[in-house]
Amino acid sequence: MSDALPMQLFEILLAALDDEWHAEATYAAAIQQFGPVRPFINIIEAERRHAAAIEHQLQRLGIAAPANPWSRADVPVPATLAEACEEAIAAELENIALYDRLLPKVSDSAARHVLERLQAASRDRHLPAFRRCLARQQRG
């Protein structure tokens, strides 16, 4: 790690990366359980892009990204697709809240821009998609 990089930014990027990896593992578990269902198959790809964007920021700062510690075996699999959608809604809300806590601490403009984009994707695209998923399941 570069001496010029504040430890806080390093920790922020790692916290964001871990959350994106956890979401990817969670959605992979849902896909394994229920098959290639939307929106899980779309959003898992977005989570991979989110992790890659954070890894790029680490690389830009001269830091090697750690290995992803999450796999779909690490997360509980919901019994129903409706439960999977409910859990995904909760995960996206937690992701948005995480970025709410992290962003005020980020002074690096490039990292801040990336994290703001990731939060917006969770808030404006992922969360509504999982809410629609739950509504479809509830309608039967």
Protein backbone atom coordinates (compact mmCIF):
# COMPACT_ATOMS: atom_id res chain seq x y z
CA MET A 1 0.00 0.00 0.00
CA SER A 2 1.29 3.45 -0.84
CA ASP A 3 2.34 5.58 2.13
CA ALA A 4 0.34 8.43 0.60
CA LEU A 5 -2.91 6.45 0.75
CA PRO A 6 -4.84 7.14 3.91
CA MET A 7 -5.63 3.92 5.75
CA GLN A 8 -9.23 5.06 6.00
CA LEU A 9 -9.68 5.03 2.20
CA PHE A 10 -8.15 1.56 2.00
CA GLU A 11 -10.57 0.31 4.69
CA ILE A 12 -13.52 2.01 2.99
CA LEU A 13 -12.76 0.39 -0.35
CA LEU A 14 -12.32 -3.01 1.29
CA ALA A 15 -15.65 -2.66 3.14
CA ALA A 16 -17.41 -1.76 -0.11
CA LEU A 17 -15.69 -4.59 -1.99
CA ASP A 18 -16.65 -7.14 0.66
CA ASP A 19 -20.28 -6.01 0.50
CA GLU A 20 -20.35 -6.34 -3.30
CA TRP A 21 -18.77 -9.80 -3.10
CA HIS A 22 -21.28 -10.86 -0.44
CA ALA A 23 -24.16 -9.72 -2.66
CA GLU A 24 -22.73 -11.69 -5.58
CA ALA A 25 -22.51 -14.85 -3.43
CA THR A 26 -26.05 -14.31 -2.13
CA TYR A 27 -27.48 -13.92 -5.62
CA ALA A 28 -25.46 -16.92 -6.86
CA ALA A 29 -27.05 -19.02 -4.10
CA ALA A 30 -30.51 -17.88 -5.21
CA ILE A 31 -29.72 -18.74 -8.83
CA GLN A 32 -28.43 -22.17 -7.82
CA GLN A 33 -31.62 -22.81 -5.84
CA PHE A 34 -34.21 -21.37 -8.25
CA GLY A 35 -32.50 -21.42 -11.63
CA PRO A 36 -31.68 -18.51 -13.92
CA VAL A 37 -34.45 -16.22 -12.66
CA ARG A 38 -34.69 -12.49 -13.12
CA PRO A 39 -33.65 -10.17 -11.65
CA PHE A 40 -30.97 -12.32 -9.98
CA ILE A 41 -29.27 -13.26 -13.25
CA ASN A 42 -29.04 -9.61 -14.29
CA ILE A 43 -28.02 -8.17 -10.95
CA ILE A 44 -25.35 -10.78 -10.20
CA GLU A 45 -23.54 -9.49 -13.30
CA ALA A 46 -23.91 -5.94 -12.02
CA GLU A 47 -22.45 -6.98 -8.66
CA ARG A 48 -19.45 -8.43 -10.49
CA ARG A 49 -18.99 -5.13 -12.33
CA HIS A 50 -19.31 -3.26 -9.03
CA ALA A 51 -16.58 -5.38 -7.45
CA ALA A 52 -14.39 -4.86 -10.51
CA ALA A 53 -14.85 -1.09 -10.29
CA ILE A 54 -13.71 -1.11 -6.66
CA GLU A 55 -10.82 -3.42 -7.49
CA HIS A 56 -9.82 -0.94 -10.20
CA GLN A 57 -9.74 1.83 -7.60
CA LEU A 58 -7.50 -0.27 -5.40
CA GLN A 59 -5.24 -0.95 -8.36
CA ARG A 60 -5.17 2.76 -9.23
CA LEU A 61 -4.00 3.41 -5.69
CA GLY A 62 -1.29 0.76 -5.93
CA ILE A 63 -3.02 -1.87 -3.81
CA ALA A 64 -3.61 -5.48 -4.80
CA ALA A 65 -7.18 -6.53 -4.14
CA PRO A 66 -7.52 -9.40 -1.70
CA ALA A 67 -9.06 -12.70 -2.74
CA ASN A 68 -12.83 -12.87 -2.63
CA PRO A 69 -13.67 -14.76 0.58
CA TRP A 70 -17.34 -15.35 -0.34
CA SER A 71 -18.93 -18.23 -2.21
CA ARG A 72 -22.55 -19.23 -2.59
CA ALA A 73 -21.90 -21.98 -0.03
CA ASP A 74 -21.28 -19.25 2.56
CA VAL A 75 -24.80 -17.85 2.45
CA PRO A 76 -28.07 -19.47 3.50
CA VAL A 77 -30.42 -20.36 0.67
CA PRO A 78 -33.99 -19.14 1.08
CA ALA A 79 -36.79 -21.67 0.86
CA THR A 80 -38.81 -19.72 -1.69
CA LEU A 81 -38.15 -17.23 -4.45
CA ALA A 82 -40.28 -14.68 -2.56
CA GLU A 83 -37.95 -15.05 0.44
CA ALA A 84 -34.95 -14.66 -1.85
CA CYS A 85 -36.45 -11.42 -3.18
CA GLU A 86 -37.13 -10.20 0.37
CA GLU A 87 -33.55 -10.98 1.39
CA ALA A 88 -32.23 -9.22 -1.71
CA ILE A 89 -34.29 -6.14 -0.85
CA ALA A 90 -32.78 -6.14 2.64
CA ALA A 91 -29.28 -6.61 1.19
CA GLU A 92 -29.69 -3.70 -1.22
CA LEU A 93 -31.03 -1.47 1.57
CA GLU A 94 -28.01 -2.42 3.69
CA ASN A 95 -25.72 -1.67 0.73
CA ILE A 96 -27.25 1.78 0.29
CA ALA A 97 -26.87 2.45 4.02
CA LEU A 98 -23.25 1.26 3.91
CA TYR A 99 -22.47 3.79 1.18
CA ASP A 100 -24.32 6.47 3.19
CA ARG A 101 -21.86 5.79 6.03
CA LEU A 102 -18.76 5.50 3.84
CA LEU A 103 -19.16 8.32 1.34
CA PRO A 104 -18.81 11.24 3.79
CA LYS A 105 -15.35 9.88 4.69
CA VAL A 106 -14.07 9.73 1.07
CA SER A 107 -12.06 12.72 -0.13
CA ASP A 108 -10.46 10.97 -3.13
CA SER A 109 -12.61 12.23 -6.02
CA ALA A 110 -12.20 9.17 -8.27
CA ALA A 111 -13.05 6.71 -5.50
CA ARG A 112 -15.95 8.89 -4.38
CA HIS A 113 -17.36 8.99 -7.92
CA VAL A 114 -17.21 5.18 -8.22
CA LEU A 115 -18.85 4.61 -4.84
CA GLU A 116 -21.60 7.14 -5.63
CA ARG A 117 -22.31 5.35 -8.93
CA LEU A 118 -22.49 1.98 -7.16
CA GLN A 119 -24.85 3.32 -4.54
CA ALA A 120 -27.06 4.86 -7.22
CA ALA A 121 -27.22 1.52 -9.05
CA SER A 122 -28.34 -0.24 -5.87
CA ARG A 123 -30.89 2.45 -5.04
CA ASP A 124 -32.23 3.20 -8.52
CA ARG A 125 -32.02 -0.16 -10.29
CA HIS A 126 -31.39 -3.15 -8.02
CA LEU A 127 -33.78 -2.25 -5.21
CA PRO A 128 -36.74 -1.54 -7.55
CA ALA A 129 -36.02 -4.76 -9.49
CA PHE A 130 -36.10 -6.88 -6.34
CA ARG A 131 -39.24 -5.11 -5.14
CA ARG A 132 -40.90 -5.99 -8.47
CA CYS A 133 -39.66 -9.56 -8.03
CA LEU A 134 -41.31 -9.76 -4.62
CA ALA A 135 -44.54 -8.23 -5.94
CA ARG A 136 -44.66 -10.83 -8.74
CA GLN A 137 -44.15 -13.65 -6.25
CA GLN A 138 -46.82 -12.31 -3.93
CA ARG A 139 -49.32 -12.09 -6.78
CA GLY A 140 -48.56 -15.71 -7.56
